[in-house]
Amino acid sequence: MRVALATALAIGVAAAPAAAAAPKVDQLVVFRDGSFKKKTTHARQAAVRVHGRRCAVGAATPLAALITSRVAKIGLKDFGSCSRRPRDASGLFVRKLGRDANSGQDGWVYKVGNKSGTAGAADPTGPFGHGKLRAGARVLWFYCHIQGSSCQRTLAFSKVDTGQPGAVEVHVRAYNDRGKGIPAAGVTVHADALTATTDQNGVARLTPGAGTHTLYADGGGYVRSFDSKVAVK
């Protein structure tokens, strides 16, 4: 069933708590058409307005990082009773980012690392119910197209080998909602402007030459990976 439209939001960042409570995280947002925005941001406590109420979103949560990064206009729906207390924000649900609104079973989800969050993005217990985001966490937001019982898989590098001069060998895996990976065959690996396609084992070899290069993987019907920096001898 199509999710009903909610009241437009006016989003503002609340007074920042102690630095330890607002970790710096790497965030990647992949839109429905495959375009993306990446940003390193502090997951500071924030305030949103939903259905005419001002609601607090606690620091060190995926939703706090999304709000403070300001990568796109956010539409929220509240399935709980959000208030000025962050502990009441567990029912907040992202229904729209930019022009991409949830439709039927498809819509916005998030992962921390390679695993989909099992709690709401503003849940004060954290993404998996046992602790909030830590500094350096990788938070991926993407538009999920339900395929059976899972969203489309997401790509990540499981191994990067720079043992050969001027060359790099990468192993790419595609992860389901539960964080279980399979070799990602037939995807494109980029090392700056250089590209290669993974074999049946999810392995690709490139020779970008000595220096520091930016790697990422995309294609194959999967959600693209985060960028990774690699130093090649």
C-alpha atoms as a PDB file:
ATOM      1  CA  MET A   1       0.000   0.000   0.000  1.00  0.00           C
ATOM      2  CA  ARG A   2       1.371   3.399  -0.908  1.00  0.00           C
ATOM      3  CA  VAL A   3       2.575   5.317   2.132  1.00  0.00           C
ATOM      4  CA  ALA A   4       0.479   8.434   2.798  1.00  0.00           C
ATOM      5  CA  LEU A   5       2.212  11.750   2.351  1.00  0.00           C
ATOM      6  CA  ALA A   6       3.278  13.458   5.567  1.00  0.00           C
ATOM      7  CA  THR A   7       3.594  17.110   6.410  1.00  0.00           C
ATOM      8  CA  ALA A   8       6.701  18.767   4.955  1.00  0.00           C
ATOM      9  CA  LEU A   9       9.553  19.061   7.422  1.00  0.00           C
ATOM     10  CA  ALA A  10      11.537  21.997   8.635  1.00  0.00           C
ATOM     11  CA  ILE A  11      14.822  20.528   9.808  1.00  0.00           C
ATOM     12  CA  GLY A  12      17.297  22.185  12.128  1.00  0.00           C
ATOM     13  CA  VAL A  13      20.264  21.048  14.140  1.00  0.00           C
ATOM     14  CA  ALA A  14      19.875  21.309  17.904  1.00  0.00           C
ATOM     15  CA  ALA A  15      22.591  22.438  20.264  1.00  0.00           C
ATOM     16  CA  ALA A  16      25.480  19.981  19.976  1.00  0.00           C
ATOM     17  CA  PRO A  17      26.067  17.630  22.926  1.00  0.00           C
ATOM     18  CA  ALA A  18      29.515  16.519  24.023  1.00  0.00           C
ATOM     19  CA  ALA A  19      31.781  15.549  21.135  1.00  0.00           C
ATOM     20  CA  ALA A  20      31.954  11.942  22.325  1.00  0.00           C
ATOM     21  CA  ALA A  21      28.190  11.641  21.807  1.00  0.00           C
ATOM     22  CA  ALA A  22      28.345  12.887  18.206  1.00  0.00           C
ATOM     23  CA  PRO A  23      30.686  10.542  16.319  1.00  0.00           C
ATOM     24  CA  LYS A  24      32.016  11.355  12.874  1.00  0.00           C
ATOM     25  CA  VAL A  25      30.688   8.766  10.407  1.00  0.00           C
ATOM     26  CA  ASP A  26      31.002   8.078   6.677  1.00  0.00           C
ATOM     27  CA  GLN A  27      27.626   8.264   4.972  1.00  0.00           C
ATOM     28  CA  LEU A  28      26.605   7.232   1.460  1.00  0.00           C
ATOM     29  CA  VAL A  29      23.106   7.910   0.102  1.00  0.00           C
ATOM     30  CA  VAL A  30      22.198   6.075  -3.123  1.00  0.00           C
ATOM     31  CA  PHE A  31      19.049   7.322  -4.831  1.00  0.00           C
ATOM     32  CA  ARG A  32      16.533   5.342  -6.829  1.00  0.00           C
ATOM     33  CA  ASP A  33      18.169   6.183 -10.178  1.00  0.00           C
ATOM     34  CA  GLY A  34      21.629   5.133  -8.963  1.00  0.00           C
ATOM     35  CA  SER A  35      22.905   8.653  -8.359  1.00  0.00           C
ATOM     36  CA  PHE A  36      24.487   9.186  -4.977  1.00  0.00           C
ATOM     37  CA  LYS A  37      25.801  11.625  -2.417  1.00  0.00           C
ATOM     38  CA  LYS A  38      28.592  10.839   0.012  1.00  0.00           C
ATOM     39  CA  LYS A  39      29.628  12.844   3.017  1.00  0.00           C
ATOM     40  CA  THR A  40      31.548  12.487   6.242  1.00  0.00           C
ATOM     41  CA  THR A  41      29.425  14.034   8.968  1.00  0.00           C
ATOM     42  CA  HIS A  42      28.989  14.258  12.716  1.00  0.00           C
ATOM     43  CA  ALA A  43      25.861  12.465  13.940  1.00  0.00           C
ATOM     44  CA  ARG A  44      24.801  15.351  16.192  1.00  0.00           C
ATOM     45  CA  GLN A  45      21.521  15.583  18.038  1.00  0.00           C
ATOM     46  CA  ALA A  46      18.978  17.237  15.773  1.00  0.00           C
ATOM     47  CA  ALA A  47      15.414  18.509  15.774  1.00  0.00           C
ATOM     48  CA  VAL A  48      12.710  17.891  13.177  1.00  0.00           C
ATOM     49  CA  ARG A  49       9.111  18.941  12.829  1.00  0.00           C
ATOM     50  CA  VAL A  50       6.677  16.117  12.053  1.00  0.00           C
ATOM     51  CA  HIS A  51       2.887  16.521  11.870  1.00  0.00           C
ATOM     52  CA  GLY A  52       3.194  19.912  13.558  1.00  0.00           C
ATOM     53  CA  ARG A  53       5.264  18.607  16.486  1.00  0.00           C
ATOM     54  CA  ARG A  54       8.887  19.423  17.236  1.00  0.00           C
ATOM     55  CA  CYS A  55      10.758  16.154  17.739  1.00  0.00           C
ATOM     56  CA  ALA A  56      14.292  15.495  18.981  1.00  0.00           C
ATOM     57  CA  VAL A  57      16.536  12.945  17.270  1.00  0.00           C
ATOM     58  CA  GLY A  58      19.309  11.641  19.483  1.00  0.00           C
ATOM     59  CA  ALA A  59      22.999  11.949  18.662  1.00  0.00           C
ATOM     60  CA  ALA A  60      24.918   8.939  17.313  1.00  0.00           C
ATOM     61  CA  THR A  61      21.911   7.555  15.420  1.00  0.00           C
ATOM     62  CA  PRO A  62      21.697   7.000  11.643  1.00  0.00           C
ATOM     63  CA  LEU A  63      18.864   9.518  11.343  1.00  0.00           C
ATOM     64  CA  ALA A  64      20.879  12.180  13.184  1.00  0.00           C
ATOM     65  CA  ALA A  65      23.709  11.693  10.676  1.00  0.00           C
ATOM     66  CA  LEU A  66      21.286  11.916   7.747  1.00  0.00           C
ATOM     67  CA  ILE A  67      19.708  15.115   9.040  1.00  0.00           C
ATOM     68  CA  THR A  68      22.951  16.909   9.857  1.00  0.00           C
ATOM     69  CA  SER A  69      24.517  15.966   6.511  1.00  0.00           C
ATOM     70  CA  ARG A  70      21.756  17.843   4.634  1.00  0.00           C
ATOM     71  CA  VAL A  71      22.236  15.746   1.485  1.00  0.00           C
ATOM     72  CA  ALA A  72      18.543  15.950   0.536  1.00  0.00           C
ATOM     73  CA  LYS A  73      15.186  17.112   1.815  1.00  0.00           C
ATOM     74  CA  ILE A  74      13.784  14.496   4.188  1.00  0.00           C
ATOM     75  CA  GLY A  75      10.177  13.396   4.658  1.00  0.00           C
ATOM     76  CA  LEU A  76       9.353  11.528   7.863  1.00  0.00           C
ATOM     77  CA  LYS A  77       6.405   9.640   9.266  1.00  0.00           C
ATOM     78  CA  ASP A  78       5.994   8.986  12.982  1.00  0.00           C
ATOM     79  CA  PHE A  79       4.712   5.577  13.999  1.00  0.00           C
ATOM     80  CA  GLY A  80       5.252   6.433  17.668  1.00  0.00           C
ATOM     81  CA  SER A  81       4.997   9.548  19.793  1.00  0.00           C
ATOM     82  CA  CYS A  82       8.059  11.654  19.079  1.00  0.00           C
ATOM     83  CA  SER A  83       8.626  14.632  21.347  1.00  0.00           C
ATOM     84  CA  ARG A  84      11.348  16.978  22.525  1.00  0.00           C
ATOM     85  CA  ARG A  85      12.956  13.954  24.211  1.00  0.00           C
ATOM     86  CA  PRO A  86      15.241  11.839  21.978  1.00  0.00           C
ATOM     87  CA  ARG A  87      14.110   8.681  23.766  1.00  0.00           C
ATOM     88  CA  ASP A  88      10.683   9.067  22.106  1.00  0.00           C
ATOM     89  CA  ALA A  89      12.027   9.081  18.520  1.00  0.00           C
ATOM     90  CA  SER A  90      12.158   5.321  17.872  1.00  0.00           C
ATOM     91  CA  GLY A  91       9.023   5.417  15.709  1.00  0.00           C
ATOM     92  CA  LEU A  92      10.353   7.940  13.183  1.00  0.00           C
ATOM     93  CA  PHE A  93      10.475   6.477   9.677  1.00  0.00           C
ATOM     94  CA  VAL A  94      12.089   7.933   6.541  1.00  0.00           C
ATOM     95  CA  ARG A  95       9.402   7.952   3.848  1.00  0.00           C
ATOM     96  CA  LYS A  96      11.105  10.262   1.343  1.00  0.00           C
ATOM     97  CA  LEU A  97      14.549  11.571   0.429  1.00  0.00           C
ATOM     98  CA  GLY A  98      14.767  14.197  -2.264  1.00  0.00           C
ATOM     99  CA  ARG A  99      12.296  13.213  -4.988  1.00  0.00           C
ATOM    100  CA  ASP A 100      12.265   9.514  -4.071  1.00  0.00           C
ATOM    101  CA  ALA A 101       9.248   8.536  -1.982  1.00  0.00           C
ATOM    102  CA  ASN A 102       8.431   5.095  -0.606  1.00  0.00           C
ATOM    103  CA  SER A 103       5.947   3.102  -2.664  1.00  0.00           C
ATOM    104  CA  GLY A 104       4.362  -0.183  -1.608  1.00  0.00           C
ATOM    105  CA  GLN A 105       7.041  -2.398  -0.063  1.00  0.00           C
ATOM    106  CA  ASP A 106       9.856  -0.449  -1.711  1.00  0.00           C
ATOM    107  CA  GLY A 107      11.484   2.480   0.004  1.00  0.00           C
ATOM    108  CA  TRP A 108      14.322   3.861   2.076  1.00  0.00           C
ATOM    109  CA  VAL A 109      16.401   1.622   4.324  1.00  0.00           C
ATOM    110  CA  TYR A 110      19.791   1.932   5.970  1.00  0.00           C
ATOM    111  CA  LYS A 111      22.755  -0.303   6.684  1.00  0.00           C
ATOM    112  CA  VAL A 112      25.586   0.066   9.152  1.00  0.00           C
ATOM    113  CA  GLY A 113      28.544  -1.782   7.712  1.00  0.00           C
ATOM    114  CA  ASN A 114      27.055  -4.544   5.573  1.00  0.00           C
ATOM    115  CA  LYS A 115      23.980  -5.246   7.696  1.00  0.00           C
ATOM    116  CA  SER A 116      20.535  -3.638   7.634  1.00  0.00           C
ATOM    117  CA  GLY A 117      19.488  -1.937  10.849  1.00  0.00           C
ATOM    118  CA  THR A 118      17.016  -3.920  12.920  1.00  0.00           C
ATOM    119  CA  ALA A 119      15.773  -0.838  14.781  1.00  0.00           C
ATOM    120  CA  GLY A 120      14.428   2.516  13.644  1.00  0.00           C
ATOM    121  CA  ALA A 121      17.016   4.997  12.399  1.00  0.00           C
ATOM    122  CA  ALA A 122      16.418   7.239  15.440  1.00  0.00           C
ATOM    123  CA  ASP A 123      15.978   4.458  17.989  1.00  0.00           C
ATOM    124  CA  PRO A 124      17.922   5.458  21.138  1.00  0.00           C
ATOM    125  CA  THR A 125      19.124   1.857  21.594  1.00  0.00           C
ATOM    126  CA  GLY A 126      21.073   2.054  18.324  1.00  0.00           C
ATOM    127  CA  PRO A 127      20.800   0.423  14.876  1.00  0.00           C
ATOM    128  CA  PHE A 128      20.810  -3.120  16.240  1.00  0.00           C
ATOM    129  CA  GLY A 129      19.438  -2.493  19.701  1.00  0.00           C
ATOM    130  CA  HIS A 130      22.740  -2.737  21.545  1.00  0.00           C
ATOM    131  CA  GLY A 131      24.595   0.557  21.145  1.00  0.00           C
ATOM    132  CA  LYS A 132      24.714   3.672  19.002  1.00  0.00           C
ATOM    133  CA  LEU A 133      27.012   4.559  16.124  1.00  0.00           C
ATOM    134  CA  ARG A 134      30.724   4.734  16.778  1.00  0.00           C
ATOM    135  CA  ALA A 135      33.278   7.006  15.144  1.00  0.00           C
ATOM    136  CA  GLY A 136      34.247   5.765  11.688  1.00  0.00           C
ATOM    137  CA  ALA A 137      31.041   3.802  11.124  1.00  0.00           C
ATOM    138  CA  ARG A 138      29.874   3.474   7.533  1.00  0.00           C
ATOM    139  CA  VAL A 139      26.173   4.269   7.141  1.00  0.00           C
ATOM    140  CA  LEU A 140      24.534   3.478   3.804  1.00  0.00           C
ATOM    141  CA  TRP A 141      21.061   4.749   2.887  1.00  0.00           C
ATOM    142  CA  PHE A 142      19.535   3.345  -0.300  1.00  0.00           C
ATOM    143  CA  TYR A 143      16.190   2.903  -2.019  1.00  0.00           C
ATOM    144  CA  CYS A 144      15.263  -0.738  -1.461  1.00  0.00           C
ATOM    145  CA  HIS A 145      13.551  -2.768  -4.161  1.00  0.00           C
ATOM    146  CA  ILE A 146      12.216  -5.842  -2.382  1.00  0.00           C
ATOM    147  CA  GLN A 147      13.433  -9.050  -4.020  1.00  0.00           C
ATOM    148  CA  GLY A 148      11.788 -11.966  -2.267  1.00  0.00           C
ATOM    149  CA  SER A 149      12.410 -11.349   1.423  1.00  0.00           C
ATOM    150  CA  SER A 150      15.380  -8.995   1.011  1.00  0.00           C
ATOM    151  CA  CYS A 151      16.425  -5.739  -0.587  1.00  0.00           C
ATOM    152  CA  GLN A 152      18.871  -5.787  -3.476  1.00  0.00           C
ATOM    153  CA  ARG A 153      22.374  -6.641  -2.319  1.00  0.00           C
ATOM    154  CA  THR A 154      25.019  -4.020  -1.585  1.00  0.00           C
ATOM    155  CA  LEU A 155      28.648  -4.120  -2.680  1.00  0.00           C
ATOM    156  CA  ALA A 156      31.773  -3.924  -0.521  1.00  0.00           C
ATOM    157  CA  PHE A 157      35.423  -4.860  -0.809  1.00  0.00           C
ATOM    158  CA  SER A 158      36.309  -7.884   1.312  1.00  0.00           C
ATOM    159  CA  LYS A 159      40.008  -7.795   0.393  1.00  0.00           C
ATOM    160  CA  VAL A 160      42.375  -5.370  -1.325  1.00  0.00           C
ATOM    161  CA  ASP A 161      45.848  -6.702  -2.198  1.00  0.00           C
ATOM    162  CA  THR A 162      48.636  -4.340  -3.313  1.00  0.00           C
ATOM    163  CA  GLY A 163      51.463  -6.895  -3.248  1.00  0.00           C
ATOM    164  CA  GLN A 164      52.411  -6.469  -6.903  1.00  0.00           C
ATOM    165  CA  PRO A 165      54.173  -3.239  -7.985  1.00  0.00           C
ATOM    166  CA  GLY A 166      51.798  -0.823  -9.725  1.00  0.00           C
ATOM    167  CA  ALA A 167      48.875  -3.248  -9.385  1.00  0.00           C
ATOM    168  CA  VAL A 168      45.930  -3.939  -7.099  1.00  0.00           C
ATOM    169  CA  GLU A 169      43.758  -7.034  -6.760  1.00  0.00           C
ATOM    170  CA  VAL A 170      40.341  -6.575  -5.175  1.00  0.00           C
ATOM    171  CA  HIS A 171      37.752  -9.058  -3.937  1.00  0.00           C
ATOM    172  CA  VAL A 172      34.168  -7.784  -4.105  1.00  0.00           C
ATOM    173  CA  ARG A 173      31.206  -9.306  -2.296  1.00  0.00           C
ATOM    174  CA  ALA A 174      27.493  -8.546  -2.460  1.00  0.00           C
ATOM    175  CA  TYR A 175      25.709  -8.507   0.899  1.00  0.00           C
ATOM    176  CA  ASN A 176      22.076  -9.177   1.720  1.00  0.00           C
ATOM    177  CA  ASP A 177      20.080  -7.535   4.521  1.00  0.00           C
ATOM    178  CA  ARG A 178      21.537  -9.900   7.127  1.00  0.00           C
ATOM    179  CA  GLY A 179      25.114  -9.111   6.126  1.00  0.00           C
ATOM    180  CA  LYS A 180      25.739 -12.421   4.373  1.00  0.00           C
ATOM    181  CA  GLY A 181      27.941 -11.976   1.325  1.00  0.00           C
ATOM    182  CA  ILE A 182      28.452 -13.805  -1.959  1.00  0.00           C
ATOM    183  CA  PRO A 183      31.156 -13.221  -4.610  1.00  0.00           C
ATOM    184  CA  ALA A 184      30.025 -10.332  -6.818  1.00  0.00           C
ATOM    185  CA  ALA A 185      30.688 -11.540 -10.370  1.00  0.00           C
ATOM    186  CA  GLY A 186      30.378  -9.196 -13.345  1.00  0.00           C
ATOM    187  CA  VAL A 187      30.552  -5.902 -11.476  1.00  0.00           C
ATOM    188  CA  THR A 188      32.770  -2.984 -12.425  1.00  0.00           C
ATOM    189  CA  VAL A 189      35.660  -1.959 -10.210  1.00  0.00           C
ATOM    190  CA  HIS A 190      36.973   1.576 -10.648  1.00  0.00           C
ATOM    191  CA  ALA A 191      40.447   2.776  -9.707  1.00  0.00           C
ATOM    192  CA  ASP A 192      40.164   6.465 -10.540  1.00  0.00           C
ATOM    193  CA  ALA A 193      39.437   6.408 -14.318  1.00  0.00           C
ATOM    194  CA  LEU A 194      40.659   2.833 -14.796  1.00  0.00           C
ATOM    195  CA  THR A 195      38.093  -0.003 -14.731  1.00  0.00           C
ATOM    196  CA  ALA A 196      37.980  -3.792 -14.638  1.00  0.00           C
ATOM    197  CA  THR A 197      35.229  -6.413 -14.360  1.00  0.00           C
ATOM    198  CA  THR A 198      35.139  -9.000 -11.589  1.00  0.00           C
ATOM    199  CA  ASP A 199      35.389 -12.709 -12.479  1.00  0.00           C
ATOM    200  CA  GLN A 200      33.126 -15.486 -11.188  1.00  0.00           C
ATOM    201  CA  ASN A 201      34.889 -15.293  -7.826  1.00  0.00           C
ATOM    202  CA  GLY A 202      34.294 -11.557  -7.490  1.00  0.00           C
ATOM    203  CA  VAL A 203      37.963 -10.754  -8.155  1.00  0.00           C
ATOM    204  CA  ALA A 204      39.308  -7.977 -10.373  1.00  0.00           C
ATOM    205  CA  ARG A 205      42.866  -6.900 -11.104  1.00  0.00           C
ATOM    206  CA  LEU A 206      43.907  -3.388 -12.119  1.00  0.00           C
ATOM    207  CA  THR A 207      47.229  -1.667 -12.791  1.00  0.00           C
ATOM    208  CA  PRO A 208      46.734   2.008 -11.923  1.00  0.00           C
ATOM    209  CA  GLY A 209      50.423   2.532 -11.181  1.00  0.00           C
ATOM    210  CA  ALA A 210      52.120   3.779  -8.060  1.00  0.00           C
ATOM    211  CA  GLY A 211      50.276   6.317  -5.950  1.00  0.00           C
ATOM    212  CA  THR A 212      47.079   6.715  -3.950  1.00  0.00           C
ATOM    213  CA  HIS A 213      43.911   5.797  -5.811  1.00  0.00           C
ATOM    214  CA  THR A 214      40.165   5.826  -5.134  1.00  0.00           C
ATOM    215  CA  LEU A 215      38.408   2.475  -5.544  1.00  0.00           C
ATOM    216  CA  TYR A 216      34.711   1.678  -5.766  1.00  0.00           C
ATOM    217  CA  ALA A 217      32.514  -1.022  -7.294  1.00  0.00           C
ATOM    218  CA  ASP A 218      29.140  -0.759  -9.018  1.00  0.00           C
ATOM    219  CA  GLY A 219      26.832  -2.506 -11.491  1.00  0.00           C
ATOM    220  CA  GLY A 220      25.346  -5.984 -11.630  1.00  0.00           C
ATOM    221  CA  GLY A 221      22.004  -4.811 -10.241  1.00  0.00           C
ATOM    222  CA  TYR A 222      23.632  -4.129  -6.860  1.00  0.00           C
ATOM    223  CA  VAL A 223      23.971  -0.967  -4.784  1.00  0.00           C
ATOM    224  CA  ARG A 224      27.388   0.629  -5.283  1.00  0.00           C
ATOM    225  CA  SER A 225      30.113   0.403  -2.670  1.00  0.00           C
ATOM    226  CA  PHE A 226      31.671   3.107  -0.562  1.00  0.00           C
ATOM    227  CA  ASP A 227      34.835   4.663  -1.937  1.00  0.00           C
ATOM    228  CA  SER A 228      38.091   3.245  -0.573  1.00  0.00           C
ATOM    229  CA  LYS A 229      41.529   4.835  -0.753  1.00  0.00           C
ATOM    230  CA  VAL A 230      44.391   2.506  -1.613  1.00  0.00           C
ATOM    231  CA  ALA A 231      48.137   3.164  -1.760  1.00  0.00           C
ATOM    232  CA  VAL A 232      49.816   1.262  -4.607  1.00  0.00           C
ATOM    233  CA  LYS A 233      53.589   0.822  -4.600  1.00  0.00           C
END
